[in-house]
PDB file of N, CA and C in Angstrom:
ATOM      1  N   MET A   1    -119.631 172.772  -2.248  1.00  0.00           N
ATOM      2  CA  MET A   1    -120.024 171.504  -1.855  1.00  0.00           C
ATOM      3  C   MET A   1    -121.615 171.443  -2.044  1.00  0.00           C
ATOM      4  N   ASP A   2    -121.938 170.037  -2.600  1.00  0.00           N
ATOM      5  CA  ASP A   2    -123.286 169.633  -3.113  1.00  0.00           C
ATOM      6  C   ASP A   2    -123.897 169.141  -1.641  1.00  0.00           C
ATOM      7  N   THR A   3    -125.391 169.933  -1.861  1.00  0.00           N
ATOM      8  CA  THR A   3    -126.157 169.525  -0.761  1.00  0.00           C
ATOM      9  C   THR A   3    -127.422 168.841  -1.072  1.00  0.00           C
ATOM     10  N   LEU A   4    -127.833 167.427  -0.797  1.00  0.00           N
ATOM     11  CA  LEU A   4    -129.046 166.536  -1.005  1.00  0.00           C
ATOM     12  C   LEU A   4    -130.071 167.544  -0.439  1.00  0.00           C
ATOM     13  N   ARG A   5    -131.155 167.320  -1.101  1.00  0.00           N
ATOM     14  CA  ARG A   5    -132.128 168.065  -0.435  1.00  0.00           C
ATOM     15  C   ARG A   5    -133.257 166.835  -0.405  1.00  0.00           C
ATOM     16  N   ASP A   6    -134.307 166.626   0.268  1.00  0.00           N
ATOM     17  CA  ASP A   6    -135.307 165.620   0.163  1.00  0.00           C
ATOM     18  C   ASP A   6    -136.410 166.472   0.211  1.00  0.00           C
ATOM     19  N   ASN A   7    -137.155 166.661  -0.965  1.00  0.00           N
ATOM     20  CA  ASN A   7    -138.314 167.467  -0.935  1.00  0.00           C
ATOM     21  C   ASN A   7    -139.473 166.050  -0.978  1.00  0.00           C
ATOM     22  N   GLN A   8    -139.930 165.929   0.193  1.00  0.00           N
ATOM     23  CA  GLN A   8    -140.800 164.635   0.409  1.00  0.00           C
ATOM     24  C   GLN A   8    -142.170 165.066   0.036  1.00  0.00           C
ATOM     25  N   ALA A   9    -142.665 166.354  -0.096  1.00  0.00           N
ATOM     26  CA  ALA A   9    -143.862 166.954  -0.742  1.00  0.00           C
ATOM     27  C   ALA A   9    -143.836 166.350  -1.943  1.00  0.00           C
ATOM     28  N   ALA A  10    -142.864 166.658  -2.861  1.00  0.00           N
ATOM     29  CA  ALA A  10    -143.072 166.098  -4.268  1.00  0.00           C
ATOM     30  C   ALA A  10    -142.314 164.767  -4.518  1.00  0.00           C
ATOM     31  N   GLY A  11    -142.041 163.933  -3.529  1.00  0.00           N
ATOM     32  CA  GLY A  11    -141.300 162.750  -3.470  1.00  0.00           C
ATOM     33  C   GLY A  11    -140.020 162.666  -4.314  1.00  0.00           C
ATOM     34  N   GLN A  12    -139.113 163.554  -4.221  1.00  0.00           N
ATOM     35  CA  GLN A  12    -137.928 163.682  -5.014  1.00  0.00           C
ATOM     36  C   GLN A  12    -136.664 163.949  -4.141  1.00  0.00           C
ATOM     37  N   TYR A  13    -135.585 163.547  -4.567  1.00  0.00           N
ATOM     38  CA  TYR A  13    -134.393 164.190  -4.043  1.00  0.00           C
ATOM     39  C   TYR A  13    -133.827 165.101  -4.917  1.00  0.00           C
ATOM     40  N   GLU A  14    -133.387 166.335  -4.667  1.00  0.00           N
ATOM     41  CA  GLU A  14    -133.069 167.243  -5.413  1.00  0.00           C
ATOM     42  C   GLU A  14    -131.662 167.869  -4.951  1.00  0.00           C
ATOM     43  N   LEU A  15    -131.024 168.216  -6.165  1.00  0.00           N
ATOM     44  CA  LEU A  15    -129.572 168.637  -5.987  1.00  0.00           C
ATOM     45  C   LEU A  15    -129.642 170.193  -7.068  1.00  0.00           C
ATOM     46  N   ASP A  16    -129.229 171.143  -6.390  1.00  0.00           N
ATOM     47  CA  ASP A  16    -129.279 172.465  -7.090  1.00  0.00           C
ATOM     48  C   ASP A  16    -127.781 172.572  -7.667  1.00  0.00           C
ATOM     49  N   ILE A  17    -127.571 173.166  -9.124  1.00  0.00           N
ATOM     50  CA  ILE A  17    -126.274 173.125  -9.602  1.00  0.00           C
ATOM     51  C   ILE A  17    -126.558 174.385 -10.727  1.00  0.00           C
ATOM     52  N   ASP A  18    -125.770 175.411 -10.501  1.00  0.00           N
ATOM     53  CA  ASP A  18    -126.063 176.564 -11.354  1.00  0.00           C
ATOM     54  C   ASP A  18    -127.318 176.622 -11.713  1.00  0.00           C
ATOM     55  N   GLY A  19    -128.309 176.999 -10.882  1.00  0.00           N
ATOM     56  CA  GLY A  19    -129.295 177.448 -10.774  1.00  0.00           C
ATOM     57  C   GLY A  19    -130.593 176.585 -11.315  1.00  0.00           C
ATOM     58  N   GLU A  20    -129.860 175.520 -11.399  1.00  0.00           N
ATOM     59  CA  GLU A  20    -130.901 174.295 -12.087  1.00  0.00           C
ATOM     60  C   GLU A  20    -131.033 173.485 -11.067  1.00  0.00           C
ATOM     61  N   THR A  21    -131.912 172.384 -11.020  1.00  0.00           N
ATOM     62  CA  THR A  21    -132.285 171.410 -10.134  1.00  0.00           C
ATOM     63  C   THR A  21    -132.330 170.121 -10.957  1.00  0.00           C
ATOM     64  N   VAL A  22    -131.343 169.253 -10.470  1.00  0.00           N
ATOM     65  CA  VAL A  22    -131.469 167.742 -10.799  1.00  0.00           C
ATOM     66  C   VAL A  22    -132.188 167.118  -9.969  1.00  0.00           C
ATOM     67  N   PHE A  23    -132.984 165.800 -10.388  1.00  0.00           N
ATOM     68  CA  PHE A  23    -133.695 165.326  -9.217  1.00  0.00           C
ATOM     69  C   PHE A  23    -134.031 163.848  -9.423  1.00  0.00           C
ATOM     70  N   ALA A  24    -134.291 163.185  -8.500  1.00  0.00           N
ATOM     71  CA  ALA A  24    -134.459 161.777  -8.606  1.00  0.00           C
ATOM     72  C   ALA A  24    -135.752 161.219  -7.753  1.00  0.00           C
ATOM     73  N   ARG A  25    -137.029 161.019  -8.459  1.00  0.00           N
ATOM     74  CA  ARG A  25    -138.239 160.860  -7.928  1.00  0.00           C
ATOM     75  C   ARG A  25    -138.122 159.484  -6.929  1.00  0.00           C
ATOM     76  N   TYR A  26    -138.736 159.275  -5.792  1.00  0.00           N
ATOM     77  CA  TYR A  26    -138.372 158.017  -5.264  1.00  0.00           C
ATOM     78  C   TYR A  26    -139.840 157.479  -4.542  1.00  0.00           C
ATOM     79  N   ARG A  27    -139.927 156.462  -4.258  1.00  0.00           N
ATOM     80  CA  ARG A  27    -140.893 155.970  -3.110  1.00  0.00           C
ATOM     81  C   ARG A  27    -140.120 155.375  -2.087  1.00  0.00           C
ATOM     82  N   ARG A  28    -140.395 155.257  -0.805  1.00  0.00           N
ATOM     83  CA  ARG A  28    -139.423 154.900   0.135  1.00  0.00           C
ATOM     84  C   ARG A  28    -140.440 154.283   1.185  1.00  0.00           C
ATOM     85  N   GLN A  29    -140.177 153.086   1.469  1.00  0.00           N
ATOM     86  CA  GLN A  29    -141.032 152.039   2.488  1.00  0.00           C
ATOM     87  C   GLN A  29    -140.341 150.936   3.129  1.00  0.00           C
ATOM     88  N   ASP A  30    -140.345 150.790   4.400  1.00  0.00           N
ATOM     89  CA  ASP A  30    -140.006 149.597   4.999  1.00  0.00           C
ATOM     90  C   ASP A  30    -138.474 149.433   4.591  1.00  0.00           C
ATOM     91  N   GLY A  31    -137.753 150.611   4.668  1.00  0.00           N
ATOM     92  CA  GLY A  31    -136.314 150.470   4.674  1.00  0.00           C
ATOM     93  C   GLY A  31    -135.658 150.198   3.111  1.00  0.00           C
ATOM     94  N   VAL A  32    -136.645 150.364   2.146  1.00  0.00           N
ATOM     95  CA  VAL A  32    -136.206 150.327   0.717  1.00  0.00           C
ATOM     96  C   VAL A  32    -136.815 151.481  -0.090  1.00  0.00           C
ATOM     97  N   LEU A  33    -135.413 151.995  -0.771  1.00  0.00           N
ATOM     98  CA  LEU A  33    -135.794 153.321  -1.260  1.00  0.00           C
ATOM     99  C   LEU A  33    -135.985 152.927  -2.922  1.00  0.00           C
ATOM    100  N   THR A  34    -136.977 153.196  -3.568  1.00  0.00           N
ATOM    101  CA  THR A  34    -137.196 152.809  -4.936  1.00  0.00           C
ATOM    102  C   THR A  34    -137.030 154.286  -5.757  1.00  0.00           C
ATOM    103  N   ILE A  35    -136.042 153.789  -6.656  1.00  0.00           N
ATOM    104  CA  ILE A  35    -135.810 155.155  -7.619  1.00  0.00           C
ATOM    105  C   ILE A  35    -136.347 155.157  -8.775  1.00  0.00           C
ATOM    106  N   GLN A  36    -137.479 155.889  -9.073  1.00  0.00           N
ATOM    107  CA  GLN A  36    -138.325 155.750 -10.167  1.00  0.00           C
ATOM    108  C   GLN A  36    -137.802 156.328 -11.479  1.00  0.00           C
ATOM    109  N   TRP A  37    -137.024 157.530 -11.266  1.00  0.00           N
ATOM    110  CA  TRP A  37    -136.528 158.073 -12.517  1.00  0.00           C
ATOM    111  C   TRP A  37    -135.691 159.208 -11.942  1.00  0.00           C
ATOM    112  N   VAL A  38    -134.549 159.257 -12.750  1.00  0.00           N
ATOM    113  CA  VAL A  38    -133.833 160.554 -12.425  1.00  0.00           C
ATOM    114  C   VAL A  38    -133.436 161.425 -13.646  1.00  0.00           C
ATOM    115  N   GLU A  39    -133.778 162.912 -13.522  1.00  0.00           N
ATOM    116  CA  GLU A  39    -133.843 163.798 -14.464  1.00  0.00           C
ATOM    117  C   GLU A  39    -133.092 165.074 -14.304  1.00  0.00           C
ATOM    118  N   ALA A  40    -132.238 165.416 -15.471  1.00  0.00           N
ATOM    119  CA  ALA A  40    -131.506 166.546 -15.327  1.00  0.00           C
ATOM    120  C   ALA A  40    -132.118 167.590 -16.292  1.00  0.00           C
ATOM    121  N   PRO A  41    -132.301 168.973 -16.035  1.00  0.00           N
ATOM    122  CA  PRO A  41    -132.759 169.740 -16.882  1.00  0.00           C
ATOM    123  C   PRO A  41    -131.764 169.873 -18.146  1.00  0.00           C
ATOM    124  N   PRO A  42    -132.147 170.548 -19.259  1.00  0.00           N
ATOM    125  CA  PRO A  42    -131.608 170.179 -20.609  1.00  0.00           C
ATOM    126  C   PRO A  42    -129.917 171.140 -20.353  1.00  0.00           C
ATOM    127  N   ALA A  43    -130.046 172.163 -19.349  1.00  0.00           N
ATOM    128  CA  ALA A  43    -128.844 172.962 -19.523  1.00  0.00           C
ATOM    129  C   ALA A  43    -127.686 172.017 -18.660  1.00  0.00           C
ATOM    130  N   LEU A  44    -127.999 170.846 -17.687  1.00  0.00           N
ATOM    131  CA  LEU A  44    -127.421 170.232 -17.133  1.00  0.00           C
ATOM    132  C   LEU A  44    -126.879 168.641 -17.848  1.00  0.00           C
ATOM    133  N   ARG A  45    -127.594 168.676 -18.727  1.00  0.00           N
ATOM    134  CA  ARG A  45    -127.409 167.177 -19.482  1.00  0.00           C
ATOM    135  C   ARG A  45    -125.896 167.135 -19.925  1.00  0.00           C
ATOM    136  N   GLY A  46    -125.306 166.083 -19.576  1.00  0.00           N
ATOM    137  CA  GLY A  46    -123.938 165.581 -20.095  1.00  0.00           C
ATOM    138  C   GLY A  46    -122.894 166.268 -19.195  1.00  0.00           C
ATOM    139  N   SER A  47    -123.109 166.945 -18.142  1.00  0.00           N
ATOM    140  CA  SER A  47    -122.399 167.657 -17.376  1.00  0.00           C
ATOM    141  C   SER A  47    -121.811 167.036 -16.052  1.00  0.00           C
ATOM    142  N   GLY A  48    -122.594 165.814 -16.064  1.00  0.00           N
ATOM    143  CA  GLY A  48    -122.296 164.907 -14.718  1.00  0.00           C
ATOM    144  C   GLY A  48    -123.123 165.347 -13.618  1.00  0.00           C
ATOM    145  N   ALA A  49    -124.176 166.021 -13.786  1.00  0.00           N
ATOM    146  CA  ALA A  49    -125.115 166.569 -12.739  1.00  0.00           C
ATOM    147  C   ALA A  49    -125.749 165.219 -12.065  1.00  0.00           C
ATOM    148  N   ALA A  50    -126.420 164.288 -12.852  1.00  0.00           N
ATOM    149  CA  ALA A  50    -127.155 163.570 -12.532  1.00  0.00           C
ATOM    150  C   ALA A  50    -126.164 162.441 -11.640  1.00  0.00           C
ATOM    151  N   GLY A  51    -124.908 162.418 -12.066  1.00  0.00           N
ATOM    152  CA  GLY A  51    -124.059 161.421 -11.210  1.00  0.00           C
ATOM    153  C   GLY A  51    -123.422 161.923  -9.872  1.00  0.00           C
ATOM    154  N   ARG A  52    -123.505 163.385  -9.969  1.00  0.00           N
ATOM    155  CA  ARG A  52    -123.065 163.719  -8.627  1.00  0.00           C
ATOM    156  C   ARG A  52    -124.249 163.643  -7.754  1.00  0.00           C
ATOM    157  N   LEU A  53    -125.737 163.879  -8.239  1.00  0.00           N
ATOM    158  CA  LEU A  53    -126.844 163.566  -7.477  1.00  0.00           C
ATOM    159  C   LEU A  53    -126.846 162.132  -7.091  1.00  0.00           C
ATOM    160  N   MET A  54    -126.488 161.050  -7.870  1.00  0.00           N
ATOM    161  CA  MET A  54    -126.604 159.764  -7.424  1.00  0.00           C
ATOM    162  C   MET A  54    -125.680 159.331  -6.275  1.00  0.00           C
ATOM    163  N   LYS A  55    -124.658 160.061  -6.276  1.00  0.00           N
ATOM    164  CA  LYS A  55    -123.479 159.599  -5.351  1.00  0.00           C
ATOM    165  C   LYS A  55    -123.822 160.146  -3.899  1.00  0.00           C
ATOM    166  N   LEU A  56    -124.427 161.372  -4.259  1.00  0.00           N
ATOM    167  CA  LEU A  56    -125.129 161.933  -2.822  1.00  0.00           C
ATOM    168  C   LEU A  56    -126.267 161.007  -2.356  1.00  0.00           C
ATOM    169  N   LEU A  57    -127.323 160.498  -3.154  1.00  0.00           N
ATOM    170  CA  LEU A  57    -128.082 159.542  -2.892  1.00  0.00           C
ATOM    171  C   LEU A  57    -127.745 158.399  -2.332  1.00  0.00           C
ATOM    172  N   GLY A  58    -126.769 157.646  -3.060  1.00  0.00           N
ATOM    173  CA  GLY A  58    -126.288 156.822  -2.455  1.00  0.00           C
ATOM    174  C   GLY A  58    -125.571 156.761  -1.207  1.00  0.00           C
ATOM    175  N   ALA A  59    -125.126 157.841  -0.878  1.00  0.00           N
ATOM    176  CA  ALA A  59    -124.240 157.863   0.246  1.00  0.00           C
ATOM    177  C   ALA A  59    -125.446 157.979   1.258  1.00  0.00           C
ATOM    178  N   GLU A  60    -126.496 158.806   1.351  1.00  0.00           N
ATOM    179  CA  GLU A  60    -127.734 158.855   1.886  1.00  0.00           C
ATOM    180  C   GLU A  60    -128.406 157.359   2.275  1.00  0.00           C
ATOM    181  N   ALA A  61    -128.563 156.638   1.257  1.00  0.00           N
ATOM    182  CA  ALA A  61    -129.087 155.416   1.489  1.00  0.00           C
ATOM    183  C   ALA A  61    -128.261 154.617   2.259  1.00  0.00           C
ATOM    184  N   LYS A  62    -126.820 154.382   2.109  1.00  0.00           N
ATOM    185  CA  LYS A  62    -126.011 153.720   3.069  1.00  0.00           C
ATOM    186  C   LYS A  62    -126.099 154.049   4.246  1.00  0.00           C
ATOM    187  N   SER A  63    -125.813 155.534   4.642  1.00  0.00           N
ATOM    188  CA  SER A  63    -126.011 155.994   5.933  1.00  0.00           C
ATOM    189  C   SER A  63    -127.251 155.693   6.806  1.00  0.00           C
ATOM    190  N   GLN A  64    -128.248 155.477   6.020  1.00  0.00           N
ATOM    191  CA  GLN A  64    -129.760 154.978   6.480  1.00  0.00           C
ATOM    192  C   GLN A  64    -129.824 153.657   6.462  1.00  0.00           C
ATOM    193  N   GLY A  65    -129.201 152.818   5.881  1.00  0.00           N
ATOM    194  CA  GLY A  65    -129.314 151.284   6.001  1.00  0.00           C
ATOM    195  C   GLY A  65    -130.370 151.068   4.982  1.00  0.00           C
ATOM    196  N   TRP A  66    -130.900 151.853   4.166  1.00  0.00           N
ATOM    197  CA  TRP A  66    -131.772 151.302   3.086  1.00  0.00           C
ATOM    198  C   TRP A  66    -131.355 150.606   2.158  1.00  0.00           C
ATOM    199  N   ARG A  67    -132.118 149.625   1.613  1.00  0.00           N
ATOM    200  CA  ARG A  67    -131.936 148.943   0.060  1.00  0.00           C
ATOM    201  C   ARG A  67    -132.504 149.885  -0.826  1.00  0.00           C
ATOM    202  N   VAL A  68    -131.808 149.764  -2.060  1.00  0.00           N
ATOM    203  CA  VAL A  68    -132.303 150.425  -3.133  1.00  0.00           C
ATOM    204  C   VAL A  68    -132.975 149.486  -4.323  1.00  0.00           C
ATOM    205  N   VAL A  69    -134.003 149.916  -4.990  1.00  0.00           N
ATOM    206  CA  VAL A  69    -134.373 149.202  -6.210  1.00  0.00           C
ATOM    207  C   VAL A  69    -134.646 150.424  -6.971  1.00  0.00           C
ATOM    208  N   PRO A  70    -133.517 150.367  -8.213  1.00  0.00           N
ATOM    209  CA  PRO A  70    -133.641 151.306  -9.422  1.00  0.00           C
ATOM    210  C   PRO A  70    -134.307 150.955 -10.524  1.00  0.00           C
ATOM    211  N   VAL A  71    -135.609 151.326 -10.351  1.00  0.00           N
ATOM    212  CA  VAL A  71    -136.333 151.186 -11.552  1.00  0.00           C
ATOM    213  C   VAL A  71    -135.899 152.119 -12.962  1.00  0.00           C
ATOM    214  N   CYS A  72    -135.094 153.220 -12.556  1.00  0.00           N
ATOM    215  CA  CYS A  72    -134.766 154.021 -13.378  1.00  0.00           C
ATOM    216  C   CYS A  72    -133.528 153.337 -14.054  1.00  0.00           C
ATOM    217  N   GLY A  73    -133.519 153.376 -15.477  1.00  0.00           N
ATOM    218  CA  GLY A  73    -132.287 152.546 -16.241  1.00  0.00           C
ATOM    219  C   GLY A  73    -130.873 153.463 -15.989  1.00  0.00           C
ATOM    220  N   TYR A  74    -131.192 154.662 -15.892  1.00  0.00           N
ATOM    221  CA  TYR A  74    -130.037 155.292 -15.508  1.00  0.00           C
ATOM    222  C   TYR A  74    -129.362 155.171 -14.004  1.00  0.00           C
ATOM    223  N   ALA A  75    -130.360 155.113 -13.210  1.00  0.00           N
ATOM    224  CA  ALA A  75    -130.050 154.778 -11.851  1.00  0.00           C
ATOM    225  C   ALA A  75    -129.386 153.155 -11.729  1.00  0.00           C
ATOM    226  N   ALA A  76    -130.039 152.415 -12.308  1.00  0.00           N
ATOM    227  CA  ALA A  76    -129.401 150.822 -12.230  1.00  0.00           C
ATOM    228  C   ALA A  76    -128.241 150.940 -12.964  1.00  0.00           C
ATOM    229  N   ALA A  77    -127.691 151.499 -13.950  1.00  0.00           N
ATOM    230  CA  ALA A  77    -126.559 151.650 -14.649  1.00  0.00           C
ATOM    231  C   ALA A  77    -125.447 152.451 -13.790  1.00  0.00           C
ATOM    232  N   TRP A  78    -125.826 153.328 -13.038  1.00  0.00           N
ATOM    233  CA  TRP A  78    -124.950 154.219 -12.335  1.00  0.00           C
ATOM    234  C   TRP A  78    -124.573 153.273 -10.968  1.00  0.00           C
ATOM    235  N   LEU A  79    -125.641 152.566 -10.430  1.00  0.00           N
ATOM    236  CA  LEU A  79    -125.319 151.849  -9.425  1.00  0.00           C
ATOM    237  C   LEU A  79    -124.315 150.541  -9.412  1.00  0.00           C
ATOM    238  N   ARG A  80    -124.710 150.067 -10.760  1.00  0.00           N
ATOM    239  CA  ARG A  80    -123.783 148.883 -11.214  1.00  0.00           C
ATOM    240  C   ARG A  80    -122.455 149.318 -11.452  1.00  0.00           C
ATOM    241  N   ARG A  81    -122.300 150.533 -11.831  1.00  0.00           N
ATOM    242  CA  ARG A  81    -120.981 150.875 -12.218  1.00  0.00           C
ATOM    243  C   ARG A  81    -120.067 151.355 -10.830  1.00  0.00           C
ATOM    244  N   SER A  82    -120.932 151.521  -9.993  1.00  0.00           N
ATOM    245  CA  SER A  82    -120.294 152.067  -8.533  1.00  0.00           C
ATOM    246  C   SER A  82    -119.952 151.189  -7.448  1.00  0.00           C
ATOM    247  N   PRO A  83    -118.748 150.701  -7.334  1.00  0.00           N
ATOM    248  CA  PRO A  83    -118.586 149.329  -6.613  1.00  0.00           C
ATOM    249  C   PRO A  83    -119.085 149.867  -5.097  1.00  0.00           C
ATOM    250  N   GLU A  84    -118.984 151.288  -4.656  1.00  0.00           N
ATOM    251  CA  GLU A  84    -118.982 151.582  -3.185  1.00  0.00           C
ATOM    252  C   GLU A  84    -120.645 151.712  -2.985  1.00  0.00           C
ATOM    253  N   TYR A  85    -121.234 151.603  -3.886  1.00  0.00           N
ATOM    254  CA  TYR A  85    -122.982 151.710  -3.550  1.00  0.00           C
ATOM    255  C   TYR A  85    -123.742 150.285  -4.303  1.00  0.00           C
ATOM    256  N   ARG A  86    -122.860 149.325  -5.202  1.00  0.00           N
ATOM    257  CA  ARG A  86    -123.587 148.509  -5.871  1.00  0.00           C
ATOM    258  C   ARG A  86    -124.223 147.309  -4.939  1.00  0.00           C
ATOM    259  N   ASP A  87    -123.631 147.179  -3.599  1.00  0.00           N
ATOM    260  CA  ASP A  87    -124.321 146.392  -2.380  1.00  0.00           C
ATOM    261  C   ASP A  87    -125.742 146.741  -2.055  1.00  0.00           C
ATOM    262  N   LEU A  88    -126.199 147.937  -2.358  1.00  0.00           N
ATOM    263  CA  LEU A  88    -127.315 148.682  -1.654  1.00  0.00           C
ATOM    264  C   LEU A  88    -128.478 148.084  -2.591  1.00  0.00           C
ATOM    265  N   VAL A  89    -128.295 147.509  -3.851  1.00  0.00           N
ATOM    266  CA  VAL A  89    -129.345 147.153  -5.070  1.00  0.00           C
ATOM    267  C   VAL A  89    -129.852 145.968  -4.241  1.00  0.00           C
ATOM    268  N   ILE A  90    -131.064 145.744  -4.696  1.00  0.00           N
ATOM    269  CA  ILE A  90    -131.835 144.559  -4.538  1.00  0.00           C
ATOM    270  C   ILE A  90    -132.886 144.056  -5.670  1.00  0.00           C
TER     271      ILE A  90
END
């Protein structure tokens, strides 16, 4: 089971997969989560790791009642393609 970790000191959400960490840098203020960028280490690229992270991040935003501003192109595209989280985007 995947576990999303909020590394507030680094300003990023993290997900560990196979000894590697995929992350999403963020800013959070007044109920708005701005996703600045999403990055997967080379060993995880193309494996769906970033999508797994985004699914957990979307669920977290929804459960907290946050709106999302996806600055990162990957995050924006992922949210557009995900009907269950598309309504979070402002």
